[in-house]
Amino acid sequence: MMELQVWPGDWGLPSIDQHCIAAMVYCKFFKAPVTITKVSNPWKSPTGQFPVLRHKDGVESNVTDIFNFLRDINPSIEEGLTETQSSDCLAFSALIEEKLLPAVLYLLWVDLRSYEDFTRPFYGSILPFPLGLWVMMRKHNACVERLQACYGDEGKAENQRDTKIIRDAKECLNLLSAKLGEKNYFFGSKPCSFDALVFGYLAPLLKAPLPNTVLMNHLNGCRNLAQFCTRILDEHFPLTAAENEALKKREEDARQKMIEASEYPHKKRNIVIAGVVVVAAMVGYAFLSGLVQIDFVDAEKNKEEESSSRKNSSEGSSTD
């Protein structure tokens, strides 16, 4: 028996982390004898990150090593793939690491609105204070550095960089949609590690209520990819009736907040400005009506008067 440790999930997702989701569904695909444990303490991981697979011979601490380990102990996991299909797996895996991963990191950890309204509140709810602040700051900084490394000089112009990140991700989704076609899985009737990896990246984009919906909308437009994710979620991570009802209510609340945010994008700022204006008006009225007065003191004149007073006092003493 092995133990797979992953970050917790929400919003109908088994985990909020794309690599944790990929490792979990890979184990589900092939009914691996693995106990899945959701962990909120990064100190329990040798790298501070999840997923982590613990087994009698050691620890695998990233998704690629987990895939390789499970494939080694059960070679039949990837059986049926031709050499061409295996090569395509490697090529498409490199493609999504290059084009889709930056967009996932950007939307979860770099885009200011999504980070403030979704990512930070979620991790803040599962991580103890003040550990959560340190973990989130480290992850945020690491993602910013990675995007700068991936996009080079374009990182100097954030708008240009962000536009290219989203454009690359859309192109990647289009290629994946064309590759999947009408099939249930990318390379035939049976899933493989590539299906797990793609599902790990797409599921958060489809289900997480991110304020920035640009890729969610594009993914929903690629109907076969959206159906691919929904089918896997329903089959391997089904929700109870009560969980479904609660999720629908939360999704509706989140949708309403997004509508309000789009209609009033500067609501918080306007409230602050309005508060400042009201305070300024009240203070101005108090001055004009005489409720508040300020007496200005001439410091030089006071000094002269004090000096004259001391002089007169001294002269009086001499006369006595």
C-alpha atoms as a PDB file:
ATOM      1  CA  MET A   1       0.000   0.000   0.000  1.00  0.00           C
ATOM      2  CA  MET A   2       1.242   3.475  -0.960  1.00  0.00           C
ATOM      3  CA  GLU A   3       0.193   6.938   0.207  1.00  0.00           C
ATOM      4  CA  LEU A   4      -0.324   9.875  -2.138  1.00  0.00           C
ATOM      5  CA  GLN A   5      -0.283  13.221  -0.329  1.00  0.00           C
ATOM      6  CA  VAL A   6      -1.956  16.136  -2.120  1.00  0.00           C
ATOM      7  CA  TRP A   7      -3.208  19.654  -1.526  1.00  0.00           C
ATOM      8  CA  PRO A   8      -6.945  19.809  -0.623  1.00  0.00           C
ATOM      9  CA  GLY A   9      -9.547  20.739  -3.212  1.00  0.00           C
ATOM     10  CA  ASP A  10     -12.810  22.614  -3.476  1.00  0.00           C
ATOM     11  CA  TRP A  11     -15.449  23.641  -6.023  1.00  0.00           C
ATOM     12  CA  GLY A  12     -15.911  20.028  -7.144  1.00  0.00           C
ATOM     13  CA  LEU A  13     -12.162  19.576  -7.695  1.00  0.00           C
ATOM     14  CA  PRO A  14     -10.273  16.759  -5.909  1.00  0.00           C
ATOM     15  CA  SER A  15      -7.388  19.215  -5.409  1.00  0.00           C
ATOM     16  CA  ILE A  16      -6.707  22.800  -6.378  1.00  0.00           C
ATOM     17  CA  ASP A  17      -3.194  21.999  -7.668  1.00  0.00           C
ATOM     18  CA  GLN A  18      -2.845  20.810 -11.266  1.00  0.00           C
ATOM     19  CA  HIS A  19      -0.080  18.279 -10.555  1.00  0.00           C
ATOM     20  CA  CYS A  20      -1.914  16.849  -7.546  1.00  0.00           C
ATOM     21  CA  ILE A  21      -4.996  16.361  -9.729  1.00  0.00           C
ATOM     22  CA  ALA A  22      -2.914  14.652 -12.419  1.00  0.00           C
ATOM     23  CA  ALA A  23      -1.309  12.248  -9.919  1.00  0.00           C
ATOM     24  CA  MET A  24      -4.662  11.451  -8.319  1.00  0.00           C
ATOM     25  CA  VAL A  25      -6.456  10.659 -11.557  1.00  0.00           C
ATOM     26  CA  TYR A  26      -3.483   8.609 -12.815  1.00  0.00           C
ATOM     27  CA  CYS A  27      -3.872   6.397  -9.756  1.00  0.00           C
ATOM     28  CA  LYS A  28      -7.625   6.238 -10.350  1.00  0.00           C
ATOM     29  CA  PHE A  29      -7.226   5.306 -14.004  1.00  0.00           C
ATOM     30  CA  PHE A  30      -5.300   2.152 -13.165  1.00  0.00           C
ATOM     31  CA  LYS A  31      -6.729   1.381  -9.738  1.00  0.00           C
ATOM     32  CA  ALA A  32      -3.315   1.652  -8.126  1.00  0.00           C
ATOM     33  CA  PRO A  33      -3.211   0.514  -4.452  1.00  0.00           C
ATOM     34  CA  VAL A  34      -2.787   4.062  -3.191  1.00  0.00           C
ATOM     35  CA  THR A  35      -4.340   5.839  -0.221  1.00  0.00           C
ATOM     36  CA  ILE A  36      -4.953   9.498  -1.060  1.00  0.00           C
ATOM     37  CA  THR A  37      -4.365  11.896   1.840  1.00  0.00           C
ATOM     38  CA  LYS A  38      -5.137  15.598   1.641  1.00  0.00           C
ATOM     39  CA  VAL A  39      -2.504  17.606   3.479  1.00  0.00           C
ATOM     40  CA  SER A  40      -2.371  21.318   4.320  1.00  0.00           C
ATOM     41  CA  ASN A  41       1.070  21.338   5.934  1.00  0.00           C
ATOM     42  CA  PRO A  42       3.951  21.844   3.458  1.00  0.00           C
ATOM     43  CA  TRP A  43       6.454  20.739   6.142  1.00  0.00           C
ATOM     44  CA  LYS A  44       5.223  17.186   5.518  1.00  0.00           C
ATOM     45  CA  SER A  45       6.724  17.293   2.037  1.00  0.00           C
ATOM     46  CA  PRO A  46      10.483  16.991   1.426  1.00  0.00           C
ATOM     47  CA  THR A  47      10.221  19.843  -1.090  1.00  0.00           C
ATOM     48  CA  GLY A  48       7.448  21.876   0.521  1.00  0.00           C
ATOM     49  CA  GLN A  49       5.228  21.024  -2.445  1.00  0.00           C
ATOM     50  CA  PHE A  50       2.705  18.335  -3.328  1.00  0.00           C
ATOM     51  CA  PRO A  51       1.991  15.733  -4.699  1.00  0.00           C
ATOM     52  CA  VAL A  52       4.195  13.311  -2.771  1.00  0.00           C
ATOM     53  CA  LEU A  53       4.002   9.535  -3.171  1.00  0.00           C
ATOM     54  CA  ARG A  54       5.301   7.549  -0.196  1.00  0.00           C
ATOM     55  CA  HIS A  55       6.069   3.839  -0.576  1.00  0.00           C
ATOM     56  CA  LYS A  56       8.162   1.219   1.150  1.00  0.00           C
ATOM     57  CA  ASP A  57      11.254   2.016  -0.911  1.00  0.00           C
ATOM     58  CA  GLY A  58      11.201   5.775  -0.580  1.00  0.00           C
ATOM     59  CA  VAL A  59       9.444   8.954  -1.680  1.00  0.00           C
ATOM     60  CA  GLU A  60       8.563  10.416  -5.098  1.00  0.00           C
ATOM     61  CA  SER A  61       8.134  14.175  -4.789  1.00  0.00           C
ATOM     62  CA  ASN A  62       6.948  15.395  -8.199  1.00  0.00           C
ATOM     63  CA  VAL A  63       4.357  14.298 -10.719  1.00  0.00           C
ATOM     64  CA  THR A  64       6.831  13.048 -13.336  1.00  0.00           C
ATOM     65  CA  ASP A  65       8.608  10.801 -10.832  1.00  0.00           C
ATOM     66  CA  ILE A  66       5.235   9.519  -9.609  1.00  0.00           C
ATOM     67  CA  PHE A  67       4.194   8.616 -13.161  1.00  0.00           C
ATOM     68  CA  ASN A  68       7.503   6.855 -13.796  1.00  0.00           C
ATOM     69  CA  PHE A  69       7.384   4.928 -10.517  1.00  0.00           C
ATOM     70  CA  LEU A  70       3.846   3.664 -11.097  1.00  0.00           C
ATOM     71  CA  ARG A  71       4.735   2.774 -14.685  1.00  0.00           C
ATOM     72  CA  ASP A  72       7.768   0.782 -13.493  1.00  0.00           C
ATOM     73  CA  ILE A  73       5.815  -1.308 -11.010  1.00  0.00           C
ATOM     74  CA  ASN A  74       2.967  -1.855 -13.469  1.00  0.00           C
ATOM     75  CA  PRO A  75       4.177  -1.711 -17.112  1.00  0.00           C
ATOM     76  CA  SER A  76       0.692  -2.570 -18.359  1.00  0.00           C
ATOM     77  CA  ILE A  77      -0.396   0.978 -17.461  1.00  0.00           C
ATOM     78  CA  GLU A  78       0.830   2.306 -20.815  1.00  0.00           C
ATOM     79  CA  GLU A  79       0.442  -0.878 -22.836  1.00  0.00           C
ATOM     80  CA  GLY A  80      -1.170  -0.585 -26.230  1.00  0.00           C
ATOM     81  CA  LEU A  81       0.611   2.621 -27.228  1.00  0.00           C
ATOM     82  CA  THR A  82       2.570   2.436 -30.465  1.00  0.00           C
ATOM     83  CA  GLU A  83       5.986   4.037 -30.807  1.00  0.00           C
ATOM     84  CA  THR A  84       4.409   6.911 -32.710  1.00  0.00           C
ATOM     85  CA  GLN A  85       1.827   7.439 -29.991  1.00  0.00           C
ATOM     86  CA  SER A  86       4.503   7.343 -27.296  1.00  0.00           C
ATOM     87  CA  SER A  87       6.460   9.982 -29.218  1.00  0.00           C
ATOM     88  CA  ASP A  88       3.302  12.076 -29.536  1.00  0.00           C
ATOM     89  CA  CYS A  89       2.784  11.784 -25.772  1.00  0.00           C
ATOM     90  CA  LEU A  90       6.216  13.251 -25.145  1.00  0.00           C
ATOM     91  CA  ALA A  91       5.760  16.006 -27.729  1.00  0.00           C
ATOM     92  CA  PHE A  92       2.341  17.087 -26.478  1.00  0.00           C
ATOM     93  CA  SER A  93       3.481  16.874 -22.853  1.00  0.00           C
ATOM     94  CA  ALA A  94       6.289  19.311 -23.696  1.00  0.00           C
ATOM     95  CA  LEU A  95       3.770  21.523 -25.476  1.00  0.00           C
ATOM     96  CA  ILE A  96       1.442  21.898 -22.498  1.00  0.00           C
ATOM     97  CA  GLU A  97       4.383  22.456 -20.138  1.00  0.00           C
ATOM     98  CA  GLU A  98       5.554  25.273 -22.401  1.00  0.00           C
ATOM     99  CA  LYS A  99       2.235  26.842 -23.441  1.00  0.00           C
ATOM    100  CA  LEU A 100      -0.475  25.882 -20.936  1.00  0.00           C
ATOM    101  CA  LEU A 101       1.355  25.690 -17.613  1.00  0.00           C
ATOM    102  CA  PRO A 102       2.387  29.380 -17.690  1.00  0.00           C
ATOM    103  CA  ALA A 103      -1.259  30.359 -18.140  1.00  0.00           C
ATOM    104  CA  VAL A 104      -2.386  28.200 -15.203  1.00  0.00           C
ATOM    105  CA  LEU A 105       0.321  29.703 -12.991  1.00  0.00           C
ATOM    106  CA  TYR A 106      -0.502  33.192 -14.213  1.00  0.00           C
ATOM    107  CA  LEU A 107      -4.237  32.909 -13.539  1.00  0.00           C
ATOM    108  CA  LEU A 108      -3.822  31.330 -10.101  1.00  0.00           C
ATOM    109  CA  TRP A 109      -0.771  33.128  -8.731  1.00  0.00           C
ATOM    110  CA  VAL A 110       0.140  36.234 -10.748  1.00  0.00           C
ATOM    111  CA  ASP A 111      -3.037  37.841 -12.090  1.00  0.00           C
ATOM    112  CA  LEU A 112      -3.763  40.329  -9.300  1.00  0.00           C
ATOM    113  CA  ARG A 113      -7.534  40.030  -9.258  1.00  0.00           C
ATOM    114  CA  SER A 114      -7.605  36.218  -9.313  1.00  0.00           C
ATOM    115  CA  TYR A 115      -4.847  36.015  -6.719  1.00  0.00           C
ATOM    116  CA  GLU A 116      -6.569  38.452  -4.336  1.00  0.00           C
ATOM    117  CA  ASP A 117     -10.127  37.158  -4.777  1.00  0.00           C
ATOM    118  CA  PHE A 118      -9.558  33.413  -5.184  1.00  0.00           C
ATOM    119  CA  THR A 119      -6.097  31.948  -4.598  1.00  0.00           C
ATOM    120  CA  ARG A 120      -5.114  33.799  -1.435  1.00  0.00           C
ATOM    121  CA  PRO A 121      -8.481  33.285   0.327  1.00  0.00           C
ATOM    122  CA  PHE A 122      -8.449  29.570  -0.545  1.00  0.00           C
ATOM    123  CA  TYR A 123      -4.922  28.850   0.692  1.00  0.00           C
ATOM    124  CA  GLY A 124      -5.477  31.177   3.623  1.00  0.00           C
ATOM    125  CA  SER A 125      -8.415  28.983   4.679  1.00  0.00           C
ATOM    126  CA  ILE A 126      -6.424  25.721   4.638  1.00  0.00           C
ATOM    127  CA  LEU A 127      -3.031  26.921   5.890  1.00  0.00           C
ATOM    128  CA  PRO A 128      -2.415  27.999   9.507  1.00  0.00           C
ATOM    129  CA  PHE A 129      -1.418  31.600  10.169  1.00  0.00           C
ATOM    130  CA  PRO A 130       1.294  32.844   9.720  1.00  0.00           C
ATOM    131  CA  LEU A 131       2.612  29.844   7.741  1.00  0.00           C
ATOM    132  CA  GLY A 132       0.064  30.547   5.028  1.00  0.00           C
ATOM    133  CA  LEU A 133       1.476  34.015   4.363  1.00  0.00           C
ATOM    134  CA  TRP A 134       4.982  32.631   3.876  1.00  0.00           C
ATOM    135  CA  VAL A 135       3.825  29.764   1.625  1.00  0.00           C
ATOM    136  CA  MET A 136       1.720  32.017  -0.585  1.00  0.00           C
ATOM    137  CA  MET A 137       4.401  34.686  -0.878  1.00  0.00           C
ATOM    138  CA  ARG A 138       7.014  32.083  -1.826  1.00  0.00           C
ATOM    139  CA  LYS A 139       4.716  30.515  -4.440  1.00  0.00           C
ATOM    140  CA  HIS A 140       3.721  33.893  -5.862  1.00  0.00           C
ATOM    141  CA  ASN A 141       7.340  35.008  -6.203  1.00  0.00           C
ATOM    142  CA  ALA A 142       8.364  31.678  -7.755  1.00  0.00           C
ATOM    143  CA  CYS A 143       5.599  31.951 -10.364  1.00  0.00           C
ATOM    144  CA  VAL A 144       6.528  35.544 -11.211  1.00  0.00           C
ATOM    145  CA  GLU A 145      10.178  34.508 -11.682  1.00  0.00           C
ATOM    146  CA  ARG A 146       9.187  31.523 -13.826  1.00  0.00           C
ATOM    147  CA  LEU A 147       7.057  33.642 -16.143  1.00  0.00           C
ATOM    148  CA  GLN A 148       9.853  36.165 -16.476  1.00  0.00           C
ATOM    149  CA  ALA A 149      12.284  33.359 -17.306  1.00  0.00           C
ATOM    150  CA  CYS A 150       9.883  31.847 -19.869  1.00  0.00           C
ATOM    151  CA  TYR A 151       9.099  35.106 -21.655  1.00  0.00           C
ATOM    152  CA  GLY A 152      12.435  36.873 -21.379  1.00  0.00           C
ATOM    153  CA  ASP A 153      12.353  40.554 -22.273  1.00  0.00           C
ATOM    154  CA  GLU A 154       8.598  40.422 -22.708  1.00  0.00           C
ATOM    155  CA  GLY A 155       8.411  40.140 -18.929  1.00  0.00           C
ATOM    156  CA  LYS A 156       9.479  43.784 -18.761  1.00  0.00           C
ATOM    157  CA  ALA A 157       6.174  44.858 -20.311  1.00  0.00           C
ATOM    158  CA  GLU A 158       3.547  43.114 -18.221  1.00  0.00           C
ATOM    159  CA  ASN A 159       0.626  43.780 -20.563  1.00  0.00           C
ATOM    160  CA  GLN A 160       2.551  42.393 -23.505  1.00  0.00           C
ATOM    161  CA  ARG A 161       3.641  39.353 -21.491  1.00  0.00           C
ATOM    162  CA  ASP A 162       0.156  38.635 -20.156  1.00  0.00           C
ATOM    163  CA  THR A 163      -1.381  38.892 -23.624  1.00  0.00           C
ATOM    164  CA  LYS A 164       1.144  36.420 -25.018  1.00  0.00           C
ATOM    165  CA  ILE A 165       0.587  33.977 -22.126  1.00  0.00           C
ATOM    166  CA  ILE A 166      -3.152  33.863 -22.818  1.00  0.00           C
ATOM    167  CA  ARG A 167      -2.674  33.702 -26.587  1.00  0.00           C
ATOM    168  CA  ASP A 168      -0.257  30.768 -26.273  1.00  0.00           C
ATOM    169  CA  ALA A 169      -2.660  28.952 -23.946  1.00  0.00           C
ATOM    170  CA  LYS A 170      -5.562  29.392 -26.366  1.00  0.00           C
ATOM    171  CA  GLU A 171      -3.466  28.009 -29.212  1.00  0.00           C
ATOM    172  CA  CYS A 172      -2.523  25.030 -27.038  1.00  0.00           C
ATOM    173  CA  LEU A 173      -6.180  24.366 -26.185  1.00  0.00           C
ATOM    174  CA  ASN A 174      -7.063  24.466 -29.879  1.00  0.00           C
ATOM    175  CA  LEU A 175      -4.339  21.901 -30.685  1.00  0.00           C
ATOM    176  CA  LEU A 176      -5.468  19.648 -27.831  1.00  0.00           C
ATOM    177  CA  SER A 177      -9.063  19.877 -29.002  1.00  0.00           C
ATOM    178  CA  ALA A 178      -8.055  18.897 -32.532  1.00  0.00           C
ATOM    179  CA  LYS A 179      -5.955  15.998 -31.193  1.00  0.00           C
ATOM    180  CA  LEU A 180      -8.771  14.656 -29.006  1.00  0.00           C
ATOM    181  CA  GLY A 181     -11.439  14.899 -31.682  1.00  0.00           C
ATOM    182  CA  GLU A 182     -14.409  12.640 -30.919  1.00  0.00           C
ATOM    183  CA  LYS A 183     -12.407  10.118 -28.869  1.00  0.00           C
ATOM    184  CA  ASN A 184     -12.852   9.602 -25.132  1.00  0.00           C
ATOM    185  CA  TYR A 185      -9.093   9.764 -24.612  1.00  0.00           C
ATOM    186  CA  PHE A 186      -6.245  11.247 -26.593  1.00  0.00           C
ATOM    187  CA  PHE A 187      -4.717   7.981 -27.799  1.00  0.00           C
ATOM    188  CA  GLY A 188      -7.636   5.641 -28.134  1.00  0.00           C
ATOM    189  CA  SER A 189     -10.190   4.013 -25.872  1.00  0.00           C
ATOM    190  CA  LYS A 190      -7.840   3.707 -22.868  1.00  0.00           C
ATOM    191  CA  PRO A 191      -6.370   6.535 -20.791  1.00  0.00           C
ATOM    192  CA  CYS A 192      -2.636   7.055 -20.359  1.00  0.00           C
ATOM    193  CA  SER A 193      -0.400   9.423 -18.404  1.00  0.00           C
ATOM    194  CA  PHE A 194      -0.966  12.173 -20.967  1.00  0.00           C
ATOM    195  CA  ASP A 195      -4.719  12.121 -20.314  1.00  0.00           C
ATOM    196  CA  ALA A 196      -4.011  12.485 -16.597  1.00  0.00           C
ATOM    197  CA  LEU A 197      -1.653  15.396 -17.207  1.00  0.00           C
ATOM    198  CA  VAL A 198      -4.095  17.248 -19.478  1.00  0.00           C
ATOM    199  CA  PHE A 199      -6.952  16.710 -17.030  1.00  0.00           C
ATOM    200  CA  GLY A 200      -4.818  18.122 -14.224  1.00  0.00           C
ATOM    201  CA  TYR A 201      -4.291  21.354 -16.159  1.00  0.00           C
ATOM    202  CA  LEU A 202      -7.791  21.757 -17.541  1.00  0.00           C
ATOM    203  CA  ALA A 203      -9.927  20.897 -14.508  1.00  0.00           C
ATOM    204  CA  PRO A 204      -8.989  24.028 -12.458  1.00  0.00           C
ATOM    205  CA  LEU A 205      -9.533  26.248 -15.508  1.00  0.00           C
ATOM    206  CA  LEU A 206     -12.980  24.739 -15.986  1.00  0.00           C
ATOM    207  CA  LYS A 207     -14.226  24.543 -12.387  1.00  0.00           C
ATOM    208  CA  ALA A 208     -12.414  27.095 -10.227  1.00  0.00           C
ATOM    209  CA  PRO A 209     -14.380  30.391  -9.979  1.00  0.00           C
ATOM    210  CA  LEU A 210     -11.536  32.598 -11.149  1.00  0.00           C
ATOM    211  CA  PRO A 211     -12.471  36.260 -11.709  1.00  0.00           C
ATOM    212  CA  ASN A 212     -10.434  36.177 -14.920  1.00  0.00           C
ATOM    213  CA  THR A 213     -12.601  33.919 -17.098  1.00  0.00           C
ATOM    214  CA  VAL A 214     -10.813  34.311 -20.409  1.00  0.00           C
ATOM    215  CA  LEU A 215      -9.502  30.724 -20.544  1.00  0.00           C
ATOM    216  CA  MET A 216     -12.594  29.235 -18.911  1.00  0.00           C
ATOM    217  CA  ASN A 217     -14.685  30.713 -21.711  1.00  0.00           C
ATOM    218  CA  HIS A 218     -12.280  29.454 -24.372  1.00  0.00           C
ATOM    219  CA  LEU A 219     -12.192  25.987 -22.793  1.00  0.00           C
ATOM    220  CA  ASN A 220     -15.985  25.819 -22.747  1.00  0.00           C
ATOM    221  CA  GLY A 221     -15.849  26.743 -26.419  1.00  0.00           C
ATOM    222  CA  CYS A 222     -13.729  23.618 -27.024  1.00  0.00           C
ATOM    223  CA  ARG A 223     -16.664  21.356 -26.220  1.00  0.00           C
ATOM    224  CA  ASN A 224     -14.812  18.058 -26.470  1.00  0.00           C
ATOM    225  CA  LEU A 225     -12.193  19.207 -23.932  1.00  0.00           C
ATOM    226  CA  ALA A 226     -14.870  20.437 -21.519  1.00  0.00           C
ATOM    227  CA  GLN A 227     -16.733  17.125 -21.879  1.00  0.00           C
ATOM    228  CA  PHE A 228     -13.456  15.248 -21.376  1.00  0.00           C
ATOM    229  CA  CYS A 229     -12.973  16.964 -17.991  1.00  0.00           C
ATOM    230  CA  THR A 230     -16.597  16.608 -16.899  1.00  0.00           C
ATOM    231  CA  ARG A 231     -16.658  12.906 -17.762  1.00  0.00           C
ATOM    232  CA  ILE A 232     -13.510  12.153 -15.749  1.00  0.00           C
ATOM    233  CA  LEU A 233     -14.740  14.176 -12.767  1.00  0.00           C
ATOM    234  CA  ASP A 234     -18.104  12.386 -12.759  1.00  0.00           C
ATOM    235  CA  GLU A 235     -16.528   8.947 -13.141  1.00  0.00           C
ATOM    236  CA  HIS A 236     -13.593   9.155 -10.759  1.00  0.00           C
ATOM    237  CA  PHE A 237     -14.458  11.991  -8.344  1.00  0.00           C
ATOM    238  CA  PRO A 238     -18.265  11.929  -8.022  1.00  0.00           C
ATOM    239  CA  LEU A 239     -20.006  14.263  -5.573  1.00  0.00           C
ATOM    240  CA  THR A 240     -22.921  13.330  -3.343  1.00  0.00           C
ATOM    241  CA  ALA A 241     -26.328  14.912  -3.928  1.00  0.00           C
ATOM    242  CA  ALA A 242     -25.806  17.253  -0.974  1.00  0.00           C
ATOM    243  CA  GLU A 243     -22.352  18.256  -2.235  1.00  0.00           C
ATOM    244  CA  ASN A 244     -23.768  18.921  -5.688  1.00  0.00           C
ATOM    245  CA  GLU A 245     -26.496  21.135  -4.283  1.00  0.00           C
ATOM    246  CA  ALA A 246     -24.067  23.087  -2.119  1.00  0.00           C
ATOM    247  CA  LEU A 247     -21.685  23.467  -5.064  1.00  0.00           C
ATOM    248  CA  LYS A 248     -24.427  24.811  -7.342  1.00  0.00           C
ATOM    249  CA  LYS A 249     -25.364  27.412  -4.743  1.00  0.00           C
ATOM    250  CA  ARG A 250     -21.749  28.510  -4.299  1.00  0.00           C
ATOM    251  CA  GLU A 251     -21.245  28.665  -8.071  1.00  0.00           C
ATOM    252  CA  GLU A 252     -24.336  30.857  -8.402  1.00  0.00           C
ATOM    253  CA  ASP A 253     -23.090  33.153  -5.623  1.00  0.00           C
ATOM    254  CA  ALA A 254     -19.664  33.340  -7.257  1.00  0.00           C
ATOM    255  CA  ARG A 255     -21.263  34.065 -10.641  1.00  0.00           C
ATOM    256  CA  GLN A 256     -23.309  36.881  -9.140  1.00  0.00           C
ATOM    257  CA  LYS A 257     -20.200  38.405  -7.561  1.00  0.00           C
ATOM    258  CA  MET A 258     -18.405  38.223 -10.905  1.00  0.00           C
ATOM    259  CA  ILE A 259     -21.327  40.010 -12.598  1.00  0.00           C
ATOM    260  CA  GLU A 260     -21.276  42.726  -9.945  1.00  0.00           C
ATOM    261  CA  ALA A 261     -17.510  43.058 -10.266  1.00  0.00           C
ATOM    262  CA  SER A 262     -17.785  43.447 -14.056  1.00  0.00           C
ATOM    263  CA  GLU A 263     -20.561  46.036 -13.739  1.00  0.00           C
ATOM    264  CA  TYR A 264     -18.794  47.927 -10.960  1.00  0.00           C
ATOM    265  CA  PRO A 265     -15.088  47.156 -11.488  1.00  0.00           C
ATOM    266  CA  HIS A 266     -13.923  49.935  -9.117  1.00  0.00           C
ATOM    267  CA  LYS A 267     -16.568  49.512  -6.423  1.00  0.00           C
ATOM    268  CA  LYS A 268     -14.110  49.303  -3.495  1.00  0.00           C
ATOM    269  CA  ARG A 269     -12.084  52.238  -4.747  1.00  0.00           C
ATOM    270  CA  ASN A 270     -15.223  54.337  -5.231  1.00  0.00           C
ATOM    271  CA  ILE A 271     -16.418  53.522  -1.714  1.00  0.00           C
ATOM    272  CA  VAL A 272     -13.074  54.673  -0.273  1.00  0.00           C
ATOM    273  CA  ILE A 273     -13.111  57.864  -2.357  1.00  0.00           C
ATOM    274  CA  ALA A 274     -16.695  58.565  -1.337  1.00  0.00           C
ATOM    275  CA  GLY A 275     -15.738  58.113   2.319  1.00  0.00           C
ATOM    276  CA  VAL A 276     -12.842  60.539   1.972  1.00  0.00           C
ATOM    277  CA  VAL A 277     -15.079  63.122   0.258  1.00  0.00           C
ATOM    278  CA  VAL A 278     -17.722  62.846   2.997  1.00  0.00           C
ATOM    279  CA  VAL A 279     -15.124  63.312   5.757  1.00  0.00           C
ATOM    280  CA  ALA A 280     -13.602  66.285   3.926  1.00  0.00           C
ATOM    281  CA  ALA A 281     -17.051  67.863   3.494  1.00  0.00           C
ATOM    282  CA  MET A 282     -17.875  67.427   7.171  1.00  0.00           C
ATOM    283  CA  VAL A 283     -14.569  68.972   8.247  1.00  0.00           C
ATOM    284  CA  GLY A 284     -15.058  71.874   5.834  1.00  0.00           C
ATOM    285  CA  TYR A 285     -18.565  72.520   7.127  1.00  0.00           C
ATOM    286  CA  ALA A 286     -17.294  72.485  10.718  1.00  0.00           C
ATOM    287  CA  PHE A 287     -14.710  75.166   9.899  1.00  0.00           C
ATOM    288  CA  LEU A 288     -17.095  77.359   7.903  1.00  0.00           C
ATOM    289  CA  SER A 289     -19.825  77.207  10.537  1.00  0.00           C
ATOM    290  CA  GLY A 290     -17.424  78.100  13.330  1.00  0.00           C
ATOM    291  CA  LEU A 291     -17.838  74.816  15.130  1.00  0.00           C
ATOM    292  CA  VAL A 292     -14.095  74.360  14.890  1.00  0.00           C
ATOM    293  CA  GLN A 293     -11.583  77.212  15.061  1.00  0.00           C
ATOM    294  CA  ILE A 294      -7.847  77.289  14.784  1.00  0.00           C
ATOM    295  CA  ASP A 295      -5.877  80.113  16.386  1.00  0.00           C
ATOM    296  CA  PHE A 296      -2.649  80.829  14.552  1.00  0.00           C
ATOM    297  CA  VAL A 297       0.133  81.971  16.848  1.00  0.00           C
ATOM    298  CA  ASP A 298       2.900  84.320  15.744  1.00  0.00           C
ATOM    299  CA  ALA A 299       5.951  82.669  17.248  1.00  0.00           C
ATOM    300  CA  GLU A 300       8.229  85.653  16.638  1.00  0.00           C
ATOM    301  CA  LYS A 301       5.785  88.042  18.300  1.00  0.00           C
ATOM    302  CA  ASN A 302       5.474  85.755  21.295  1.00  0.00           C
ATOM    303  CA  LYS A 303       9.248  85.628  21.617  1.00  0.00           C
ATOM    304  CA  GLU A 304       9.473  89.441  21.548  1.00  0.00           C
ATOM    305  CA  GLU A 305       6.751  89.773  24.181  1.00  0.00           C
ATOM    306  CA  GLU A 306       8.416  87.208  26.425  1.00  0.00           C
ATOM    307  CA  SER A 307      11.777  88.952  26.007  1.00  0.00           C
ATOM    308  CA  SER A 308      10.253  92.369  26.818  1.00  0.00           C
ATOM    309  CA  SER A 309       8.495  90.913  29.842  1.00  0.00           C
ATOM    310  CA  ARG A 310      11.715  89.418  31.170  1.00  0.00           C
ATOM    311  CA  LYS A 311      13.532  92.733  30.525  1.00  0.00           C
ATOM    312  CA  ASN A 312      10.944  94.748  32.401  1.00  0.00           C
ATOM    313  CA  SER A 313      11.042  92.275  35.255  1.00  0.00           C
ATOM    314  CA  SER A 314      14.823  92.560  35.403  1.00  0.00           C
ATOM    315  CA  GLU A 315      14.718  96.376  35.424  1.00  0.00           C
ATOM    316  CA  GLY A 316      12.176  96.339  38.166  1.00  0.00           C
ATOM    317  CA  SER A 317      14.401  94.117  40.263  1.00  0.00           C
ATOM    318  CA  SER A 318      17.411  96.445  39.732  1.00  0.00           C
ATOM    319  CA  THR A 319      15.431  99.511  40.865  1.00  0.00           C
ATOM    320  CA  ASP A 320      14.448  97.757  44.057  1.00  0.00           C
END
